[in-house]
Amino acid sequence: MRLLLTSAGVTNASIRDALTDLLGRPIAASSALCVPTAQYGHPMCGPASAWRFITGQTPLPLCDLGWKSLGVLELTALPSIGEERWVPWVREADVLLVAGGDALYLCHWMRQSGLADLLPSLRDTVWVGLSAGSMAMTPRIGEEFVEWTAPGGSDSALGVVDFSIFPHLGLLPDNTMAAAERWAAEIAGPAYAIDDQTAIKVAGGTVEVVSEGRWKRFPS
C-alpha cells in the first residue's frame, strides 16, 4: 500500500503533486472511498462533522479534490454485511480517504471490520490519512492524543509504518514544538512533528517529507 500521511489534507501544490504521483494517474481519473469512522470516536466530532468531511464542506481538502467517483466506506457497518460485499468495493478503489477524529477508535474498527487484515494485499491502493487517519498507521499515538480508550488501554496503533506522527504543529495552543519534543521523548521511537502544510509520503519502503511549511524529525 502507498501512503500519504497528512495533517490537514491536500493543502498545497506539493502535497497534491505527491498524491498524483502515488496514484499514477490524474485525480479526475481516480475512484475514491472516504472513511469517516474516526469522527465518531472523538468528543469534538460527530454526525455533522462526518457529513462535512464526506461532502467536502471543511477547510481540509480531501473529498472535494475532483475525484472521478466518491463513495463512503463506514467501517462500523462492515461486520454486518460480510466480506463478500465490501472487500470488492475496497479492491476496486484507487484511493482511501481517511478522516481525522480519534485514531484509536479508527484502529479498533479497522481491526473489527477486517480492513486492517486486508491492507497488506492492497499493493496499488493509496491511503490518504488526515490527522487521526494518518496516526492510525503508526506504532503509537502517544498519551497526549488518547481520547477514546481502546480495549487493553494502550495507545498502540496499527504499526504499518515505523514512525509516529504529531500533527497540526503550531495550529493549536498545545501543539507547540516544545510539546512535540516532550511527546517524542515519551514515544521513544522515530517520529515526526508536522504542520498543516506538510505530509509524509511512503512508497516502496521510501519515506519522504513533502512540505511547504514546518516539520521536524525526531530520531529514536
C-alpha atoms as a PDB file:
ATOM      1  CA  MET A   1       0.000   0.000   0.000  1.00  0.00           C
ATOM      2  CA  ARG A   2       1.141   3.533  -0.784  1.00  0.00           C
ATOM      3  CA  LEU A   3       0.617   6.141   1.902  1.00  0.00           C
ATOM      4  CA  LEU A   4       0.180   9.896   2.039  1.00  0.00           C
ATOM      5  CA  LEU A   5       0.016  10.805   5.705  1.00  0.00           C
ATOM      6  CA  THR A   6      -1.167  14.387   6.126  1.00  0.00           C
ATOM      7  CA  SER A   7      -2.015  16.670   8.994  1.00  0.00           C
ATOM      8  CA  ALA A   8      -4.837  18.523   7.273  1.00  0.00           C
ATOM      9  CA  GLY A   9      -5.395  17.032   3.836  1.00  0.00           C
ATOM     10  CA  VAL A  10      -4.105  18.165   0.453  1.00  0.00           C
ATOM     11  CA  THR A  11      -3.427  21.752   1.463  1.00  0.00           C
ATOM     12  CA  ASN A  12      -0.882  22.836  -1.155  1.00  0.00           C
ATOM     13  CA  ALA A  13       0.502  22.078  -4.616  1.00  0.00           C
ATOM     14  CA  SER A  14       3.419  19.997  -3.326  1.00  0.00           C
ATOM     15  CA  ILE A  15       1.129  17.606  -1.449  1.00  0.00           C
ATOM     16  CA  ARG A  16      -1.223  17.438  -4.424  1.00  0.00           C
ATOM     17  CA  ASP A  17       1.703  16.540  -6.705  1.00  0.00           C
ATOM     18  CA  ALA A  18       2.747  13.815  -4.257  1.00  0.00           C
ATOM     19  CA  LEU A  19      -0.795  12.402  -4.326  1.00  0.00           C
ATOM     20  CA  THR A  20      -0.890  12.375  -8.112  1.00  0.00           C
ATOM     21  CA  ASP A  21       2.478  10.634  -8.182  1.00  0.00           C
ATOM     22  CA  LEU A  22       1.265   7.923  -5.798  1.00  0.00           C
ATOM     23  CA  LEU A  23      -1.916   7.413  -7.818  1.00  0.00           C
ATOM     24  CA  GLY A  24      -0.030   7.189 -11.092  1.00  0.00           C
ATOM     25  CA  ARG A  25      -2.904   8.973 -12.810  1.00  0.00           C
ATOM     26  CA  PRO A  26      -4.821  12.261 -12.503  1.00  0.00           C
ATOM     27  CA  ILE A  27      -7.146  12.735  -9.560  1.00  0.00           C
ATOM     28  CA  ALA A  28     -10.005  13.212 -12.030  1.00  0.00           C
ATOM     29  CA  ALA A  29      -9.380   9.698 -13.331  1.00  0.00           C
ATOM     30  CA  SER A  30      -9.257   8.057  -9.883  1.00  0.00           C
ATOM     31  CA  SER A  31     -12.006   6.431  -7.827  1.00  0.00           C
ATOM     32  CA  ALA A  32     -12.086   7.120  -4.097  1.00  0.00           C
ATOM     33  CA  LEU A  33     -13.743   5.769  -0.977  1.00  0.00           C
ATOM     34  CA  CYS A  34     -13.868   8.043   2.038  1.00  0.00           C
ATOM     35  CA  VAL A  35     -13.761   6.615   5.553  1.00  0.00           C
ATOM     36  CA  PRO A  36     -15.440   8.879   8.158  1.00  0.00           C
ATOM     37  CA  THR A  37     -15.314   6.371  11.050  1.00  0.00           C
ATOM     38  CA  ALA A  38     -12.738   8.200  13.223  1.00  0.00           C
ATOM     39  CA  GLN A  39     -15.142  11.139  13.522  1.00  0.00           C
ATOM     40  CA  TYR A  40     -17.500   9.211  15.785  1.00  0.00           C
ATOM     41  CA  GLY A  41     -14.865   8.401  18.410  1.00  0.00           C
ATOM     42  CA  HIS A  42     -13.671  11.918  19.216  1.00  0.00           C
ATOM     43  CA  PRO A  43     -15.556  14.217  21.625  1.00  0.00           C
ATOM     44  CA  MET A  44     -15.119  17.231  19.315  1.00  0.00           C
ATOM     45  CA  CYS A  45     -16.605  15.414  16.307  1.00  0.00           C
ATOM     46  CA  GLY A  46     -19.893  13.761  15.426  1.00  0.00           C
ATOM     47  CA  PRO A  47     -22.551  13.330  12.707  1.00  0.00           C
ATOM     48  CA  ALA A  48     -22.328  16.922  11.476  1.00  0.00           C
ATOM     49  CA  SER A  49     -18.542  16.872  11.142  1.00  0.00           C
ATOM     50  CA  ALA A  50     -18.689  13.466   9.441  1.00  0.00           C
ATOM     51  CA  TRP A  51     -21.139  14.919   6.891  1.00  0.00           C
ATOM     52  CA  ARG A  52     -18.883  17.923   6.321  1.00  0.00           C
ATOM     53  CA  PHE A  53     -15.905  15.620   5.714  1.00  0.00           C
ATOM     54  CA  ILE A  54     -17.802  13.461   3.216  1.00  0.00           C
ATOM     55  CA  THR A  55     -19.230  16.421   1.324  1.00  0.00           C
ATOM     56  CA  GLY A  56     -16.042  18.479   1.339  1.00  0.00           C
ATOM     57  CA  GLN A  57     -17.605  21.215   3.477  1.00  0.00           C
ATOM     58  CA  THR A  58     -14.458  21.701   5.580  1.00  0.00           C
ATOM     59  CA  PRO A  59     -11.228  23.697   5.172  1.00  0.00           C
ATOM     60  CA  LEU A  60      -9.367  20.368   4.999  1.00  0.00           C
ATOM     61  CA  PRO A  61      -9.136  19.449   1.276  1.00  0.00           C
ATOM     62  CA  LEU A  62      -9.630  15.752   0.603  1.00  0.00           C
ATOM     63  CA  CYS A  63     -13.048  14.616  -0.581  1.00  0.00           C
ATOM     64  CA  ASP A  64     -13.531  17.747  -2.696  1.00  0.00           C
ATOM     65  CA  LEU A  65     -10.481  17.358  -4.961  1.00  0.00           C
ATOM     66  CA  GLY A  66     -12.455  16.374  -8.070  1.00  0.00           C
ATOM     67  CA  TRP A  67     -12.411  12.572  -7.943  1.00  0.00           C
ATOM     68  CA  LYS A  68     -13.844  10.517 -10.794  1.00  0.00           C
ATOM     69  CA  SER A  69     -16.104   8.866  -8.232  1.00  0.00           C
ATOM     70  CA  LEU A  70     -16.502   9.087  -4.462  1.00  0.00           C
ATOM     71  CA  GLY A  71     -18.170   6.624  -2.122  1.00  0.00           C
ATOM     72  CA  VAL A  72     -18.439   6.212   1.643  1.00  0.00           C
ATOM     73  CA  LEU A  73     -16.933   3.238   3.475  1.00  0.00           C
ATOM     74  CA  GLU A  74     -18.234   3.208   7.056  1.00  0.00           C
ATOM     75  CA  LEU A  75     -16.186   0.632   8.948  1.00  0.00           C
ATOM     76  CA  THR A  76     -18.706   0.056  11.737  1.00  0.00           C
ATOM     77  CA  ALA A  77     -21.162  -1.309   9.135  1.00  0.00           C
ATOM     78  CA  LEU A  78     -18.788  -3.799   7.522  1.00  0.00           C
ATOM     79  CA  PRO A  79     -19.002  -6.697  10.031  1.00  0.00           C
ATOM     80  CA  SER A  80     -22.759  -6.897   9.474  1.00  0.00           C
ATOM     81  CA  ILE A  81     -22.668  -7.208   5.686  1.00  0.00           C
ATOM     82  CA  GLY A  82     -19.880  -9.726   5.101  1.00  0.00           C
ATOM     83  CA  GLU A  83     -16.541  -9.572   3.304  1.00  0.00           C
ATOM     84  CA  GLU A  84     -18.001 -10.863   0.060  1.00  0.00           C
ATOM     85  CA  ARG A  85     -19.730  -7.481  -0.330  1.00  0.00           C
ATOM     86  CA  TRP A  86     -17.291  -4.882   0.950  1.00  0.00           C
ATOM     87  CA  VAL A  87     -13.883  -6.333   0.020  1.00  0.00           C
ATOM     88  CA  PRO A  88     -14.553  -5.870  -3.738  1.00  0.00           C
ATOM     89  CA  TRP A  89     -15.505  -2.240  -3.076  1.00  0.00           C
ATOM     90  CA  VAL A  90     -12.132  -1.629  -1.446  1.00  0.00           C
ATOM     91  CA  ARG A  91     -10.147  -3.520  -4.073  1.00  0.00           C
ATOM     92  CA  GLU A  92     -11.796  -1.547  -6.884  1.00  0.00           C
ATOM     93  CA  ALA A  93     -10.957   1.829  -5.331  1.00  0.00           C
ATOM     94  CA  ASP A  94      -7.799   3.682  -6.301  1.00  0.00           C
ATOM     95  CA  VAL A  95      -7.607   5.562  -3.018  1.00  0.00           C
ATOM     96  CA  LEU A  96      -8.966   5.517   0.534  1.00  0.00           C
ATOM     97  CA  LEU A  97      -9.515   8.980   2.059  1.00  0.00           C
ATOM     98  CA  VAL A  98      -9.461   8.568   5.819  1.00  0.00           C
ATOM     99  CA  ALA A  99     -10.897  11.256   8.097  1.00  0.00           C
ATOM    100  CA  GLY A 100      -9.443  12.670  11.265  1.00  0.00           C
ATOM    101  CA  GLY A 101     -11.084  12.260  14.641  1.00  0.00           C
ATOM    102  CA  ASP A 102      -9.954   9.597  17.078  1.00  0.00           C
ATOM    103  CA  ALA A 103      -7.058   7.433  15.910  1.00  0.00           C
ATOM    104  CA  LEU A 104      -7.580   4.600  18.409  1.00  0.00           C
ATOM    105  CA  TYR A 105     -11.299   4.352  17.603  1.00  0.00           C
ATOM    106  CA  LEU A 106     -10.361   4.144  13.928  1.00  0.00           C
ATOM    107  CA  CYS A 107      -7.787   1.425  14.651  1.00  0.00           C
ATOM    108  CA  HIS A 108     -10.339  -0.540  16.654  1.00  0.00           C
ATOM    109  CA  TRP A 109     -12.840  -0.565  13.795  1.00  0.00           C
ATOM    110  CA  MET A 110     -10.179  -1.293  11.207  1.00  0.00           C
ATOM    111  CA  ARG A 111      -9.398  -4.459  13.169  1.00  0.00           C
ATOM    112  CA  GLN A 112     -13.038  -5.332  13.912  1.00  0.00           C
ATOM    113  CA  SER A 113     -14.123  -4.836  10.314  1.00  0.00           C
ATOM    114  CA  GLY A 114     -11.236  -6.786   8.792  1.00  0.00           C
ATOM    115  CA  LEU A 115      -9.845  -3.812   6.869  1.00  0.00           C
ATOM    116  CA  ALA A 116      -6.581  -3.925   8.828  1.00  0.00           C
ATOM    117  CA  ASP A 117      -6.016  -7.532   7.728  1.00  0.00           C
ATOM    118  CA  LEU A 118      -6.736  -6.590   4.107  1.00  0.00           C
ATOM    119  CA  LEU A 119      -4.195  -3.749   3.932  1.00  0.00           C
ATOM    120  CA  PRO A 120      -1.083  -5.832   3.068  1.00  0.00           C
ATOM    121  CA  SER A 121      -2.787  -7.123  -0.092  1.00  0.00           C
ATOM    122  CA  LEU A 122      -3.710  -3.629  -1.351  1.00  0.00           C
ATOM    123  CA  ARG A 123      -0.398  -3.046  -3.094  1.00  0.00           C
ATOM    124  CA  ASP A 124      -1.644  -0.496  -5.627  1.00  0.00           C
ATOM    125  CA  THR A 125      -4.111   1.310  -3.369  1.00  0.00           C
ATOM    126  CA  VAL A 126      -3.274   4.742  -1.971  1.00  0.00           C
ATOM    127  CA  TRP A 127      -4.144   5.572   1.647  1.00  0.00           C
ATOM    128  CA  VAL A 128      -4.531   9.294   2.310  1.00  0.00           C
ATOM    129  CA  GLY A 129      -4.819   9.971   6.015  1.00  0.00           C
ATOM    130  CA  LEU A 130      -5.950  13.219   7.583  1.00  0.00           C
ATOM    131  CA  SER A 131      -4.647  13.725  11.147  1.00  0.00           C
ATOM    132  CA  ALA A 132      -6.013  10.664  13.023  1.00  0.00           C
ATOM    133  CA  GLY A 133      -6.334   8.926   9.663  1.00  0.00           C
ATOM    134  CA  SER A 134      -2.554   9.229   9.423  1.00  0.00           C
ATOM    135  CA  MET A 135      -1.781   8.481  13.074  1.00  0.00           C
ATOM    136  CA  ALA A 136      -3.684   5.181  12.853  1.00  0.00           C
ATOM    137  CA  MET A 137      -0.948   3.788  10.603  1.00  0.00           C
ATOM    138  CA  THR A 138       1.816   4.428  13.170  1.00  0.00           C
ATOM    139  CA  PRO A 139       3.082   2.260  16.061  1.00  0.00           C
ATOM    140  CA  ARG A 140       1.851   4.607  18.832  1.00  0.00           C
ATOM    141  CA  ILE A 141      -0.059   7.878  19.044  1.00  0.00           C
ATOM    142  CA  GLY A 142       1.161   8.982  22.497  1.00  0.00           C
ATOM    143  CA  GLU A 143      -0.885   9.549  25.636  1.00  0.00           C
ATOM    144  CA  GLU A 144      -1.435  13.212  24.709  1.00  0.00           C
ATOM    145  CA  PHE A 145      -3.710  12.166  21.864  1.00  0.00           C
ATOM    146  CA  VAL A 146      -5.752   9.494  23.665  1.00  0.00           C
ATOM    147  CA  GLU A 147      -9.431  10.412  23.927  1.00  0.00           C
ATOM    148  CA  TRP A 148     -11.244   7.118  23.307  1.00  0.00           C
ATOM    149  CA  THR A 149      -9.963   4.257  25.446  1.00  0.00           C
ATOM    150  CA  ALA A 150      -9.118   1.177  23.428  1.00  0.00           C
ATOM    151  CA  PRO A 151      -9.611  -2.357  24.753  1.00  0.00           C
ATOM    152  CA  GLY A 152      -6.466  -3.025  26.765  1.00  0.00           C
ATOM    153  CA  GLY A 153      -5.979   0.687  27.423  1.00  0.00           C
ATOM    154  CA  SER A 154      -2.812   1.207  25.378  1.00  0.00           C
ATOM    155  CA  ASP A 155      -2.009   3.932  22.845  1.00  0.00           C
ATOM    156  CA  SER A 156      -0.852   1.395  20.244  1.00  0.00           C
ATOM    157  CA  ALA A 157      -1.982   1.903  16.650  1.00  0.00           C
ATOM    158  CA  LEU A 158      -1.564  -0.377  13.616  1.00  0.00           C
ATOM    159  CA  GLY A 159       2.194  -0.029  13.050  1.00  0.00           C
ATOM    160  CA  VAL A 160       2.007  -0.063   9.254  1.00  0.00           C
ATOM    161  CA  VAL A 161       4.876   2.445   9.316  1.00  0.00           C
ATOM    162  CA  ASP A 162       7.668   2.508  11.884  1.00  0.00           C
ATOM    163  CA  PHE A 163       7.337   6.145  12.944  1.00  0.00           C
ATOM    164  CA  SER A 164       4.793   8.172  14.899  1.00  0.00           C
ATOM    165  CA  ILE A 165       3.184  11.493  13.947  1.00  0.00           C
ATOM    166  CA  PHE A 166       2.440  14.667  15.925  1.00  0.00           C
ATOM    167  CA  PRO A 167       0.005  16.574  13.652  1.00  0.00           C
ATOM    168  CA  HIS A 168      -1.156  20.197  13.497  1.00  0.00           C
ATOM    169  CA  LEU A 169       2.163  21.597  14.676  1.00  0.00           C
ATOM    170  CA  GLY A 170       1.716  25.253  15.608  1.00  0.00           C
ATOM    171  CA  LEU A 171      -2.034  25.283  14.934  1.00  0.00           C
ATOM    172  CA  LEU A 172      -3.357  24.908  18.481  1.00  0.00           C
ATOM    173  CA  PRO A 173      -2.015  26.393  21.742  1.00  0.00           C
ATOM    174  CA  ASP A 174      -0.943  22.944  22.961  1.00  0.00           C
ATOM    175  CA  ASN A 175       0.665  21.888  19.662  1.00  0.00           C
ATOM    176  CA  THR A 176       3.955  23.719  20.092  1.00  0.00           C
ATOM    177  CA  MET A 177       7.369  22.409  19.126  1.00  0.00           C
ATOM    178  CA  ALA A 178       8.209  22.111  22.827  1.00  0.00           C
ATOM    179  CA  ALA A 179       5.108  19.940  23.300  1.00  0.00           C
ATOM    180  CA  ALA A 180       6.125  17.843  20.302  1.00  0.00           C
ATOM    181  CA  GLU A 181       9.577  17.317  21.787  1.00  0.00           C
ATOM    182  CA  ARG A 182       8.083  16.102  25.082  1.00  0.00           C
ATOM    183  CA  TRP A 183       5.707  13.817  23.159  1.00  0.00           C
ATOM    184  CA  ALA A 184       8.574  12.395  21.084  1.00  0.00           C
ATOM    185  CA  ALA A 185      10.613  11.656  24.202  1.00  0.00           C
ATOM    186  CA  GLU A 186       7.713   9.637  25.598  1.00  0.00           C
ATOM    187  CA  ILE A 187       7.110   7.819  22.297  1.00  0.00           C
ATOM    188  CA  ALA A 188      10.750   6.620  22.374  1.00  0.00           C
ATOM    189  CA  GLY A 189      10.842   5.766  18.669  1.00  0.00           C
ATOM    190  CA  PRO A 190      11.215   7.527  15.321  1.00  0.00           C
ATOM    191  CA  ALA A 191       8.673  10.329  14.989  1.00  0.00           C
ATOM    192  CA  TYR A 192       7.730  13.434  13.036  1.00  0.00           C
ATOM    193  CA  ALA A 193       6.031  16.659  14.059  1.00  0.00           C
ATOM    194  CA  ILE A 194       4.246  18.122  11.025  1.00  0.00           C
ATOM    195  CA  ASP A 195       2.181  21.221  10.420  1.00  0.00           C
ATOM    196  CA  ASP A 196      -0.863  21.514   8.185  1.00  0.00           C
ATOM    197  CA  GLN A 197       1.250  22.288   5.109  1.00  0.00           C
ATOM    198  CA  THR A 198       3.209  19.045   5.464  1.00  0.00           C
ATOM    199  CA  ALA A 199       2.659  15.386   4.569  1.00  0.00           C
ATOM    200  CA  ILE A 200       4.708  12.196   4.691  1.00  0.00           C
ATOM    201  CA  LYS A 201       4.807  10.109   1.529  1.00  0.00           C
ATOM    202  CA  VAL A 202       5.575   6.390   1.864  1.00  0.00           C
ATOM    203  CA  ALA A 203       6.068   4.177  -1.183  1.00  0.00           C
ATOM    204  CA  GLY A 204       8.268   1.170  -1.876  1.00  0.00           C
ATOM    205  CA  GLY A 205       9.904   1.388   1.534  1.00  0.00           C
ATOM    206  CA  THR A 206      10.943   5.016   0.979  1.00  0.00           C
ATOM    207  CA  VAL A 207       9.791   7.757   3.352  1.00  0.00           C
ATOM    208  CA  GLU A 208       9.724  11.330   2.025  1.00  0.00           C
ATOM    209  CA  VAL A 209       8.570  14.505   3.740  1.00  0.00           C
ATOM    210  CA  VAL A 210       6.573  16.768   1.412  1.00  0.00           C
ATOM    211  CA  SER A 211       6.249  20.246   2.849  1.00  0.00           C
ATOM    212  CA  GLU A 212       5.603  23.892   2.200  1.00  0.00           C
ATOM    213  CA  GLY A 213       5.556  24.501   5.944  1.00  0.00           C
ATOM    214  CA  ARG A 214       7.271  23.407   9.142  1.00  0.00           C
ATOM    215  CA  TRP A 215       8.235  19.978  10.368  1.00  0.00           C
ATOM    216  CA  LYS A 216      10.813  18.138  12.445  1.00  0.00           C
ATOM    217  CA  ARG A 217      12.031  14.560  12.594  1.00  0.00           C
ATOM    218  CA  PHE A 218      12.822  13.028  15.979  1.00  0.00           C
ATOM    219  CA  PRO A 219      15.185  10.027  15.760  1.00  0.00           C
ATOM    220  CA  SER A 220      14.666   7.063  18.047  1.00  0.00           C
END
